[in-house]
C-alpha atoms as a PDB file:
ATOM      1  CA  MET A   1     165.952 120.097  12.463  1.00  0.00           C
ATOM      2  CA  VAL A   2     166.060 123.831  13.211  1.00  0.00           C
ATOM      3  CA  PRO A   3     163.132 125.812  11.533  1.00  0.00           C
ATOM      4  CA  LEU A   4     164.489 127.808   8.570  1.00  0.00           C
ATOM      5  CA  LEU A   5     162.472 130.796   9.836  1.00  0.00           C
ATOM      6  CA  TRP A   6     165.043 131.189  12.594  1.00  0.00           C
ATOM      7  CA  ILE A   7     168.124 130.964  10.351  1.00  0.00           C
ATOM      8  CA  VAL A   8     169.936 134.037   9.052  1.00  0.00           C
ATOM      9  CA  ASP A   9     172.927 132.338   7.421  1.00  0.00           C
ATOM     10  CA  VAL A  10     174.070 128.866   6.395  1.00  0.00           C
ATOM     11  CA  ILE A  11     177.775 127.954   6.250  1.00  0.00           C
ATOM     12  CA  GLU A  12     179.050 124.733   4.616  1.00  0.00           C
ATOM     13  CA  LEU A  13     182.586 123.437   5.205  1.00  0.00           C
ATOM     14  CA  GLN A  14     184.495 120.401   4.068  1.00  0.00           C
ATOM     15  CA  VAL A  15     187.249 118.869   6.151  1.00  0.00           C
ATOM     16  CA  THR A  16     190.660 118.789   4.501  1.00  0.00           C
ATOM     17  CA  ARG A  17     193.337 116.213   5.173  1.00  0.00           C
ATOM     18  CA  GLU A  18     195.289 118.761   7.271  1.00  0.00           C
ATOM     19  CA  ARG A  19     192.338 119.228   9.639  1.00  0.00           C
ATOM     20  CA  ALA A  20     191.278 115.599   9.893  1.00  0.00           C
ATOM     21  CA  GLY A  21     191.323 114.128  13.380  1.00  0.00           C
ATOM     22  CA  LEU A  22     190.330 117.325  15.162  1.00  0.00           C
ATOM     23  CA  ARG A  23     187.365 117.584  17.479  1.00  0.00           C
ATOM     24  CA  LEU A  24     184.417 119.138  15.692  1.00  0.00           C
ATOM     25  CA  ASP A  25     184.313 122.238  17.976  1.00  0.00           C
ATOM     26  CA  ARG A  26     188.058 122.729  17.494  1.00  0.00           C
ATOM     27  CA  PHE A  27     187.775 122.368  13.743  1.00  0.00           C
ATOM     28  CA  LEU A  28     184.932 124.954  13.612  1.00  0.00           C
ATOM     29  CA  ALA A  29     186.864 127.354  15.894  1.00  0.00           C
ATOM     30  CA  LEU A  30     189.841 127.276  13.456  1.00  0.00           C
ATOM     31  CA  GLU A  31     187.670 127.686  10.378  1.00  0.00           C
ATOM     32  CA  LEU A  32     185.343 130.348  11.797  1.00  0.00           C
ATOM     33  CA  ALA A  33     187.503 132.890  13.579  1.00  0.00           C
ATOM     34  CA  ASP A  34     184.602 135.277  14.218  1.00  0.00           C
ATOM     35  CA  PHE A  35     182.716 132.723  16.347  1.00  0.00           C
ATOM     36  CA  SER A  36     183.822 132.091  19.930  1.00  0.00           C
ATOM     37  CA  ARG A  37     184.561 128.450  20.963  1.00  0.00           C
ATOM     38  CA  SER A  38     181.748 128.601  23.572  1.00  0.00           C
ATOM     39  CA  ARG A  39     179.218 129.877  20.997  1.00  0.00           C
ATOM     40  CA  LEU A  40     180.143 127.116  18.542  1.00  0.00           C
ATOM     41  CA  GLN A  41     179.703 124.497  21.244  1.00  0.00           C
ATOM     42  CA  ALA A  42     176.307 125.982  22.081  1.00  0.00           C
ATOM     43  CA  LEU A  43     175.279 125.892  18.423  1.00  0.00           C
ATOM     44  CA  ILE A  44     176.342 122.207  18.156  1.00  0.00           C
ATOM     45  CA  LEU A  45     174.403 121.285  21.285  1.00  0.00           C
ATOM     46  CA  GLY A  46     171.439 123.325  20.081  1.00  0.00           C
ATOM     47  CA  GLY A  47     171.125 121.362  16.848  1.00  0.00           C
ATOM     48  CA  PHE A  48     172.381 124.110  14.525  1.00  0.00           C
ATOM     49  CA  VAL A  49     175.314 121.984  13.191  1.00  0.00           C
ATOM     50  CA  GLN A  50     175.110 118.874  11.049  1.00  0.00           C
ATOM     51  CA  LEU A  51     178.002 116.533  10.294  1.00  0.00           C
ATOM     52  CA  ASN A  52     177.282 114.514   7.137  1.00  0.00           C
ATOM     53  CA  ASP A  53     173.546 115.241   7.634  1.00  0.00           C
ATOM     54  CA  ALA A  54     173.554 113.992  11.250  1.00  0.00           C
ATOM     55  CA  GLU A  55     173.529 115.897  14.539  1.00  0.00           C
ATOM     56  CA  PRO A  56     177.008 115.447  16.111  1.00  0.00           C
ATOM     57  CA  ARG A  57     178.502 116.051  19.545  1.00  0.00           C
ATOM     58  CA  PRO A  58     181.174 118.772  20.123  1.00  0.00           C
ATOM     59  CA  ARG A  59     183.809 116.114  20.930  1.00  0.00           C
ATOM     60  CA  GLU A  60     183.222 114.102  17.747  1.00  0.00           C
ATOM     61  CA  LEU A  61     186.324 113.776  15.556  1.00  0.00           C
ATOM     62  CA  VAL A  62     186.142 114.885  11.928  1.00  0.00           C
ATOM     63  CA  LYS A  63     187.519 112.966   8.969  1.00  0.00           C
ATOM     64  CA  THR A  64     188.816 113.985   5.559  1.00  0.00           C
ATOM     65  CA  GLY A  65     185.932 114.787   3.252  1.00  0.00           C
ATOM     66  CA  ASP A  66     183.326 115.244   6.013  1.00  0.00           C
ATOM     67  CA  VAL A  67     180.768 117.927   5.203  1.00  0.00           C
ATOM     68  CA  ILE A  68     179.712 120.255   7.996  1.00  0.00           C
ATOM     69  CA  ARG A  69     176.665 122.489   7.724  1.00  0.00           C
ATOM     70  CA  LEU A  70     176.252 125.304  10.230  1.00  0.00           C
ATOM     71  CA  GLN A  71     172.891 127.098  10.442  1.00  0.00           C
ATOM     72  CA  VAL A  72     173.452 130.469  12.089  1.00  0.00           C
ATOM     73  CA  PRO A  73     170.526 131.747  14.211  1.00  0.00           C
ATOM     74  CA  PRO A  74     169.801 135.430  14.820  1.00  0.00           C
ATOM     75  CA  ILE A  75     171.944 137.141  17.482  1.00  0.00           C
ATOM     76  CA  GLU A  76     170.123 137.778  20.743  1.00  0.00           C
ATOM     77  CA  LYS A  77     169.048 141.354  21.342  1.00  0.00           C
ATOM     78  CA  ILE A  78     171.806 143.476  22.900  1.00  0.00           C
ATOM     79  CA  GLU A  79     170.989 144.014  26.554  1.00  0.00           C
ATOM     80  CA  SER A  80     173.920 146.103  27.759  1.00  0.00           C
ATOM     81  CA  LEU A  81     173.042 149.636  28.815  1.00  0.00           C
ATOM     82  CA  ALA A  82     174.313 152.652  26.964  1.00  0.00           C
ATOM     83  CA  GLU A  83     176.389 155.000  29.077  1.00  0.00           C
ATOM     84  CA  GLU A  84     177.650 158.431  28.252  1.00  0.00           C
ATOM     85  CA  ILE A  85     181.357 157.715  28.695  1.00  0.00           C
ATOM     86  CA  PRO A  86     183.911 159.791  26.763  1.00  0.00           C
ATOM     87  CA  LEU A  87     185.821 157.979  23.999  1.00  0.00           C
ATOM     88  CA  GLN A  88     189.202 158.769  22.504  1.00  0.00           C
ATOM     89  CA  ILE A  89     188.446 158.087  18.848  1.00  0.00           C
ATOM     90  CA  LEU A  90     191.431 157.818  16.490  1.00  0.00           C
ATOM     91  CA  PHE A  91     189.302 157.065  13.391  1.00  0.00           C
ATOM     92  CA  GLU A  92     185.646 156.521  12.514  1.00  0.00           C
ATOM     93  CA  ASP A  93     183.613 155.837   9.363  1.00  0.00           C
ATOM     94  CA  GLU A  94     180.459 153.930   8.450  1.00  0.00           C
ATOM     95  CA  ASP A  95     182.121 150.538   8.981  1.00  0.00           C
ATOM     96  CA  LEU A  96     184.393 150.816  12.013  1.00  0.00           C
ATOM     97  CA  LEU A  97     186.001 152.833  14.778  1.00  0.00           C
ATOM     98  CA  VAL A  98     189.531 152.771  16.101  1.00  0.00           C
ATOM     99  CA  ILE A  99     189.574 153.607  19.798  1.00  0.00           C
ATOM    100  CA  ASP A 100     192.436 154.648  22.045  1.00  0.00           C
ATOM    101  CA  LYS A 101     191.311 152.588  25.063  1.00  0.00           C
ATOM    102  CA  PRO A 102     192.348 153.956  28.404  1.00  0.00           C
ATOM    103  CA  ALA A 103     193.983 151.739  31.049  1.00  0.00           C
ATOM    104  CA  GLY A 104     191.452 150.614  33.662  1.00  0.00           C
ATOM    105  CA  MET A 105     188.518 150.205  31.219  1.00  0.00           C
ATOM    106  CA  VAL A 106     187.095 146.712  30.719  1.00  0.00           C
ATOM    107  CA  VAL A 107     186.265 146.036  27.034  1.00  0.00           C
ATOM    108  CA  HIS A 108     182.908 144.245  27.446  1.00  0.00           C
ATOM    109  CA  PRO A 109     180.482 143.349  30.216  1.00  0.00           C
ATOM    110  CA  GLY A 110     181.044 140.149  32.167  1.00  0.00           C
ATOM    111  CA  ALA A 111     180.879 138.748  35.663  1.00  0.00           C
ATOM    112  CA  GLY A 112     181.539 141.617  38.052  1.00  0.00           C
ATOM    113  CA  ASN A 113     181.767 144.193  35.257  1.00  0.00           C
ATOM    114  CA  LEU A 114     178.246 144.907  33.959  1.00  0.00           C
ATOM    115  CA  GLU A 115     178.673 148.670  33.608  1.00  0.00           C
ATOM    116  CA  HIS A 116     181.246 151.333  32.671  1.00  0.00           C
ATOM    117  CA  THR A 117     182.803 149.159  29.978  1.00  0.00           C
ATOM    118  CA  LEU A 118     183.857 150.091  26.455  1.00  0.00           C
ATOM    119  CA  VAL A 119     180.730 148.398  25.110  1.00  0.00           C
ATOM    120  CA  ASN A 120     178.516 150.580  27.336  1.00  0.00           C
ATOM    121  CA  ALA A 121     180.256 153.661  25.883  1.00  0.00           C
ATOM    122  CA  LEU A 122     179.993 152.357  22.355  1.00  0.00           C
ATOM    123  CA  LEU A 123     176.245 151.747  22.653  1.00  0.00           C
ATOM    124  CA  HIS A 124     175.798 155.407  23.520  1.00  0.00           C
ATOM    125  CA  HIS A 125     178.129 156.669  20.761  1.00  0.00           C
ATOM    126  CA  CYS A 126     176.998 154.408  17.855  1.00  0.00           C
ATOM    127  CA  HIS A 127     173.609 153.888  16.178  1.00  0.00           C
ATOM    128  CA  ALA A 128     174.687 150.371  15.095  1.00  0.00           C
ATOM    129  CA  LEU A 129     177.316 147.782  16.035  1.00  0.00           C
ATOM    130  CA  SER A 130     177.988 144.321  14.598  1.00  0.00           C
ATOM    131  CA  GLY A 131     176.096 141.532  16.337  1.00  0.00           C
ATOM    132  CA  ILE A 132     178.507 138.632  15.734  1.00  0.00           C
ATOM    133  CA  GLY A 133     179.929 138.895  19.225  1.00  0.00           C
ATOM    134  CA  GLY A 134     176.542 138.365  20.798  1.00  0.00           C
ATOM    135  CA  LYS A 135     174.565 140.492  23.229  1.00  0.00           C
ATOM    136  CA  GLU A 136     177.538 141.130  25.596  1.00  0.00           C
ATOM    137  CA  ARG A 137     180.119 141.948  22.933  1.00  0.00           C
ATOM    138  CA  PRO A 138     178.531 144.074  20.168  1.00  0.00           C
ATOM    139  CA  GLY A 139     181.168 145.391  17.776  1.00  0.00           C
ATOM    140  CA  ILE A 140     184.067 143.745  19.637  1.00  0.00           C
ATOM    141  CA  VAL A 141     186.478 142.136  17.163  1.00  0.00           C
ATOM    142  CA  HIS A 142     189.383 141.788  19.601  1.00  0.00           C
ATOM    143  CA  ARG A 143     190.174 142.698  23.165  1.00  0.00           C
ATOM    144  CA  LEU A 144     192.769 144.399  25.329  1.00  0.00           C
ATOM    145  CA  ASP A 145     193.311 143.546  29.001  1.00  0.00           C
ATOM    146  CA  LYS A 146     191.668 145.912  31.425  1.00  0.00           C
ATOM    147  CA  GLU A 147     195.014 147.517  32.400  1.00  0.00           C
ATOM    148  CA  THR A 148     196.369 147.670  28.851  1.00  0.00           C
ATOM    149  CA  SER A 149     195.910 150.960  26.999  1.00  0.00           C
ATOM    150  CA  GLY A 150     195.949 151.783  23.253  1.00  0.00           C
ATOM    151  CA  CYS A 151     194.569 150.924  19.852  1.00  0.00           C
ATOM    152  CA  LEU A 152     191.402 148.768  19.497  1.00  0.00           C
ATOM    153  CA  VAL A 153     189.234 148.404  16.381  1.00  0.00           C
ATOM    154  CA  VAL A 154     185.440 148.092  16.639  1.00  0.00           C
ATOM    155  CA  ALA A 155     183.111 146.846  13.864  1.00  0.00           C
ATOM    156  CA  LYS A 156     179.843 148.677  13.145  1.00  0.00           C
ATOM    157  CA  ASN A 157     178.332 145.981  10.948  1.00  0.00           C
ATOM    158  CA  ASP A 158     178.714 142.195  10.463  1.00  0.00           C
ATOM    159  CA  ALA A 159     180.494 142.405   7.094  1.00  0.00           C
ATOM    160  CA  ALA A 160     183.228 144.557   8.629  1.00  0.00           C
ATOM    161  CA  HIS A 161     183.442 142.261  11.628  1.00  0.00           C
ATOM    162  CA  ARG A 162     183.886 139.153   9.525  1.00  0.00           C
ATOM    163  CA  GLU A 163     186.574 140.704   7.333  1.00  0.00           C
ATOM    164  CA  LEU A 164     188.466 142.102  10.297  1.00  0.00           C
ATOM    165  CA  SER A 165     188.218 138.743  12.064  1.00  0.00           C
ATOM    166  CA  ARG A 166     189.575 137.037   8.941  1.00  0.00           C
ATOM    167  CA  GLN A 167     192.598 139.343   9.017  1.00  0.00           C
ATOM    168  CA  PHE A 168     193.191 138.585  12.671  1.00  0.00           C
ATOM    169  CA  ALA A 169     192.957 134.872  12.013  1.00  0.00           C
ATOM    170  CA  ALA A 170     195.270 135.144   8.994  1.00  0.00           C
ATOM    171  CA  ARG A 171     197.708 137.282  11.044  1.00  0.00           C
ATOM    172  CA  THR A 172     197.920 139.945   8.369  1.00  0.00           C
ATOM    173  CA  LEU A 173     197.275 142.867  10.704  1.00  0.00           C
ATOM    174  CA  LYS A 174     200.078 144.954  12.173  1.00  0.00           C
ATOM    175  CA  LYS A 175     200.023 145.002  16.003  1.00  0.00           C
ATOM    176  CA  VAL A 176     202.830 146.793  17.807  1.00  0.00           C
ATOM    177  CA  TYR A 177     203.018 147.301  21.561  1.00  0.00           C
ATOM    178  CA  LEU A 178     205.287 149.150  23.905  1.00  0.00           C
ATOM    179  CA  ALA A 179     206.158 147.530  27.213  1.00  0.00           C
ATOM    180  CA  LEU A 180     208.210 148.623  30.140  1.00  0.00           C
ATOM    181  CA  VAL A 181     209.879 145.479  31.550  1.00  0.00           C
ATOM    182  CA  SER A 182     212.032 144.597  34.508  1.00  0.00           C
ATOM    183  CA  GLY A 183     215.791 144.542  34.058  1.00  0.00           C
ATOM    184  CA  ARG A 184     218.128 144.862  31.082  1.00  0.00           C
ATOM    185  CA  LEU A 185     217.715 142.380  28.235  1.00  0.00           C
ATOM    186  CA  ARG A 186     220.789 140.467  27.079  1.00  0.00           C
ATOM    187  CA  LYS A 187     219.794 140.704  23.414  1.00  0.00           C
ATOM    188  CA  ALA A 188     218.817 143.980  21.712  1.00  0.00           C
ATOM    189  CA  ALA A 189     216.287 142.174  19.584  1.00  0.00           C
ATOM    190  CA  GLY A 190     214.872 138.715  19.113  1.00  0.00           C
ATOM    191  CA  VAL A 191     211.870 136.483  18.504  1.00  0.00           C
ATOM    192  CA  ILE A 192     210.026 134.535  21.190  1.00  0.00           C
ATOM    193  CA  ASP A 193     208.458 131.524  19.493  1.00  0.00           C
ATOM    194  CA  ALA A 194     206.797 129.516  22.213  1.00  0.00           C
ATOM    195  CA  PRO A 195     203.294 127.984  22.410  1.00  0.00           C
ATOM    196  CA  ILE A 196     200.918 129.261  25.098  1.00  0.00           C
ATOM    197  CA  ALA A 197     198.373 127.325  27.125  1.00  0.00           C
ATOM    198  CA  ARG A 198     196.315 127.697  30.293  1.00  0.00           C
ATOM    199  CA  HIS A 199     198.561 127.399  33.416  1.00  0.00           C
ATOM    200  CA  PRO A 200     198.108 123.864  34.844  1.00  0.00           C
ATOM    201  CA  ILE A 201     197.669 125.120  38.412  1.00  0.00           C
ATOM    202  CA  HIS A 202     196.871 128.871  38.387  1.00  0.00           C
ATOM    203  CA  ARG A 203     193.789 128.908  36.133  1.00  0.00           C
ATOM    204  CA  GLN A 204     193.685 132.707  35.752  1.00  0.00           C
ATOM    205  CA  ARG A 205     197.158 132.635  34.230  1.00  0.00           C
ATOM    206  CA  MET A 206     198.574 131.461  30.924  1.00  0.00           C
ATOM    207  CA  SER A 207     202.024 129.978  30.558  1.00  0.00           C
ATOM    208  CA  VAL A 208     204.459 128.749  27.901  1.00  0.00           C
ATOM    209  CA  ALA A 209     203.384 125.156  27.219  1.00  0.00           C
ATOM    210  CA  LYS A 210     205.795 122.327  27.766  1.00  0.00           C
ATOM    211  CA  ASN A 211     203.797 119.912  25.649  1.00  0.00           C
ATOM    212  CA  SER A 212     201.802 119.830  22.433  1.00  0.00           C
ATOM    213  CA  ARG A 213     198.650 121.236  24.056  1.00  0.00           C
ATOM    214  CA  GLY A 214     199.674 124.865  23.670  1.00  0.00           C
ATOM    215  CA  ARG A 215     198.646 127.113  20.793  1.00  0.00           C
ATOM    216  CA  SER A 216     201.417 128.543  18.632  1.00  0.00           C
ATOM    217  CA  ALA A 217     202.469 132.053  19.571  1.00  0.00           C
ATOM    218  CA  MET A 218     205.247 134.381  18.247  1.00  0.00           C
ATOM    219  CA  THR A 219     206.349 137.731  19.556  1.00  0.00           C
ATOM    220  CA  GLU A 220     209.115 139.782  17.884  1.00  0.00           C
ATOM    221  CA  TYR A 221     210.808 142.291  20.168  1.00  0.00           C
ATOM    222  CA  LYS A 222     213.479 144.971  20.131  1.00  0.00           C
ATOM    223  CA  VAL A 223     214.852 147.093  22.946  1.00  0.00           C
ATOM    224  CA  VAL A 224     214.174 150.817  22.512  1.00  0.00           C
ATOM    225  CA  ARG A 225     215.907 152.037  25.680  1.00  0.00           C
ATOM    226  CA  SER A 226     217.529 150.370  28.657  1.00  0.00           C
ATOM    227  CA  GLY A 227     218.305 151.410  32.199  1.00  0.00           C
ATOM    228  CA  ALA A 228     219.701 149.666  35.231  1.00  0.00           C
ATOM    229  CA  GLU A 229     216.321 148.484  36.497  1.00  0.00           C
ATOM    230  CA  MET A 230     214.004 148.496  33.499  1.00  0.00           C
ATOM    231  CA  SER A 231     213.836 148.614  29.702  1.00  0.00           C
ATOM    232  CA  LEU A 232     211.429 149.948  27.093  1.00  0.00           C
ATOM    233  CA  VAL A 233     210.652 147.162  24.621  1.00  0.00           C
ATOM    234  CA  GLU A 234     208.775 147.321  21.336  1.00  0.00           C
ATOM    235  CA  CYS A 235     206.836 144.086  20.658  1.00  0.00           C
ATOM    236  CA  ALA A 236     205.239 143.082  17.335  1.00  0.00           C
ATOM    237  CA  LEU A 237     202.613 140.336  17.624  1.00  0.00           C
ATOM    238  CA  HIS A 238     202.529 137.554  15.029  1.00  0.00           C
ATOM    239  CA  SER A 239     199.657 135.842  16.769  1.00  0.00           C
ATOM    240  CA  GLY A 240     197.008 136.887  19.267  1.00  0.00           C
ATOM    241  CA  ARG A 241     196.947 134.549  22.277  1.00  0.00           C
ATOM    242  CA  THR A 242     195.561 135.538  25.651  1.00  0.00           C
ATOM    243  CA  HIS A 243     198.200 137.580  27.660  1.00  0.00           C
ATOM    244  CA  GLN A 244     200.723 136.762  24.913  1.00  0.00           C
ATOM    245  CA  ILE A 245     203.206 139.595  25.487  1.00  0.00           C
ATOM    246  CA  ARG A 246     202.971 139.328  29.249  1.00  0.00           C
ATOM    247  CA  VAL A 247     203.527 135.539  29.182  1.00  0.00           C
ATOM    248  CA  HIS A 248     206.376 135.702  26.636  1.00  0.00           C
ATOM    249  CA  LEU A 249     208.272 138.512  28.399  1.00  0.00           C
ATOM    250  CA  HIS A 250     207.837 136.751  31.749  1.00  0.00           C
ATOM    251  CA  HIS A 251     209.189 133.557  30.114  1.00  0.00           C
ATOM    252  CA  LEU A 252     212.150 135.550  28.877  1.00  0.00           C
ATOM    253  CA  GLY A 253     212.864 136.636  32.475  1.00  0.00           C
ATOM    254  CA  HIS A 254     211.752 140.258  31.993  1.00  0.00           C
ATOM    255  CA  PRO A 255     208.126 140.592  33.046  1.00  0.00           C
ATOM    256  CA  VAL A 256     206.084 143.686  32.345  1.00  0.00           C
ATOM    257  CA  ILE A 257     206.400 145.934  35.369  1.00  0.00           C
ATOM    258  CA  GLY A 258     203.168 146.617  37.250  1.00  0.00           C
ATOM    259  CA  ASP A 259     201.770 143.203  36.146  1.00  0.00           C
ATOM    260  CA  LYS A 260     199.920 141.979  39.246  1.00  0.00           C
ATOM    261  CA  LEU A 261     199.278 138.520  37.700  1.00  0.00           C
ATOM    262  CA  TYR A 262     202.701 137.532  36.431  1.00  0.00           C
ATOM    263  CA  ALA A 263     205.047 139.682  38.565  1.00  0.00           C
ATOM    264  CA  ALA A 264     203.188 140.611  41.724  1.00  0.00           C
ATOM    265  CA  LYS A 265     206.342 141.481  43.650  1.00  0.00           C
ATOM    266  CA  LEU A 266     207.246 144.155  41.114  1.00  0.00           C
ATOM    267  CA  ALA A 267     203.682 145.621  40.791  1.00  0.00           C
ATOM    268  CA  LYS A 268     203.358 147.532  44.042  1.00  0.00           C
ATOM    269  CA  SER A 269     205.266 150.639  42.936  1.00  0.00           C
ATOM    270  CA  PHE A 270     203.414 151.126  39.608  1.00  0.00           C
ATOM    271  CA  PRO A 271     199.858 152.271  38.787  1.00  0.00           C
ATOM    272  CA  ARG A 272     199.140 149.336  36.449  1.00  0.00           C
ATOM    273  CA  GLN A 273     200.851 146.973  34.011  1.00  0.00           C
ATOM    274  CA  MET A 274     202.992 149.106  31.711  1.00  0.00           C
ATOM    275  CA  LEU A 275     201.738 147.719  28.401  1.00  0.00           C
ATOM    276  CA  HIS A 276     200.414 149.941  25.602  1.00  0.00           C
ATOM    277  CA  ALA A 277     198.904 148.888  22.245  1.00  0.00           C
ATOM    278  CA  TRP A 278     200.883 151.508  20.336  1.00  0.00           C
ATOM    279  CA  LYS A 279     200.150 150.815  16.642  1.00  0.00           C
ATOM    280  CA  LEU A 280     197.453 148.969  14.728  1.00  0.00           C
ATOM    281  CA  GLY A 281     197.389 148.447  10.959  1.00  0.00           C
ATOM    282  CA  PHE A 282     194.912 146.568   8.748  1.00  0.00           C
ATOM    283  CA  ALA A 283     193.248 146.573   5.337  1.00  0.00           C
ATOM    284  CA  HIS A 284     189.968 148.417   5.458  1.00  0.00           C
ATOM    285  CA  PRO A 285     187.164 145.819   5.323  1.00  0.00           C
ATOM    286  CA  ARG A 286     185.248 147.631   2.633  1.00  0.00           C
ATOM    287  CA  THR A 287     187.936 149.320   0.456  1.00  0.00           C
ATOM    288  CA  GLY A 288     190.925 147.074   1.075  1.00  0.00           C
ATOM    289  CA  GLU A 289     193.064 150.153   1.581  1.00  0.00           C
ATOM    290  CA  TRP A 290     195.824 149.708   4.187  1.00  0.00           C
ATOM    291  CA  SER A 291     195.526 151.997   7.190  1.00  0.00           C
ATOM    292  CA  GLU A 292     197.732 152.405  10.258  1.00  0.00           C
ATOM    293  CA  PHE A 293     196.846 154.087  13.526  1.00  0.00           C
ATOM    294  CA  GLU A 294     198.894 155.147  16.539  1.00  0.00           C
ATOM    295  CA  ALA A 295     197.786 155.781  20.070  1.00  0.00           C
ATOM    296  CA  PRO A 296     199.944 158.359  21.920  1.00  0.00           C
ATOM    297  CA  LEU A 297     201.544 157.257  25.252  1.00  0.00           C
ATOM    298  CA  PRO A 298     199.218 157.931  28.134  1.00  0.00           C
ATOM    299  CA  GLN A 299     200.392 160.091  30.960  1.00  0.00           C
ATOM    300  CA  ASP A 300     200.920 157.286  33.497  1.00  0.00           C
ATOM    301  CA  PHE A 301     203.136 155.378  31.029  1.00  0.00           C
ATOM    302  CA  SER A 302     205.133 158.532  30.237  1.00  0.00           C
ATOM    303  CA  ASP A 303     205.604 159.275  33.938  1.00  0.00           C
ATOM    304  CA  VAL A 304     207.139 155.823  34.588  1.00  0.00           C
ATOM    305  CA  LEU A 305     209.199 156.102  31.384  1.00  0.00           C
ATOM    306  CA  GLU A 306     210.836 159.272  32.703  1.00  0.00           C
ATOM    307  CA  LYS A 307     212.384 157.199  35.464  1.00  0.00           C
ATOM    308  CA  LEU A 308     214.309 155.173  32.839  1.00  0.00           C
ATOM    309  CA  ALA A 309     217.842 156.581  33.005  1.00  0.00           C
END
């Protein structure tokens, strides 16, 4: 049993019929969107989770009516270094910031990227950030790929983080991207409804799943402008899977130009993948008031867009 002195929160869950048969770590990941799968597995192995008053294994299957008790320990002290890096702030109050992230900036420290990340910049700018993401990801509710520019929301406290995470999990946020893609699309608008999973061979890539192992993913798109060699496409996300837009557009036969991972042959002539998180809308975690933010097109995106006849 974990000493109560080291517990900051206790969460109790009961398994419904719809979630019966899932692995315990998978069940918790679905129920607790603001905890990463790896952190939940670590909490299970560390004895912080009880299944019907017994210590389970991550792979254990849950049944209807099972009671799960999660004791949440304090977050480790943030160890990332603060760096004086300029930030393009679209909005800021006591609960959150909305950042216009530049292309080329990594969101949080990791292997090979310990400095010069958005987190390093945030630690210099903010007196406080939420700790739910752990010592490497303070304030980080969601991420953008290194080469993707645009809107990203950051939580300053745990209450804001939990509420924003709930909205991401419930898919009630508005997330609109602009992408420059190869070729001319046959349809002016459509919906790509295709599950996404880790690529079976290339482990750095994701792909549209051909079996039931993929996670549901939906992208709504419409063509804004078309030329002979490329098109400007507006994409609205109805889920938030890793590389979702890049994978779905590649699956459609029109990969994002400049994408070195999914369309390497088309990437040499472009400065980066031409994907921009254009608009972000959500209910404010404290007031409930709906707010929308828009990140202007960065210069490199505009320069490539000018080539579109």
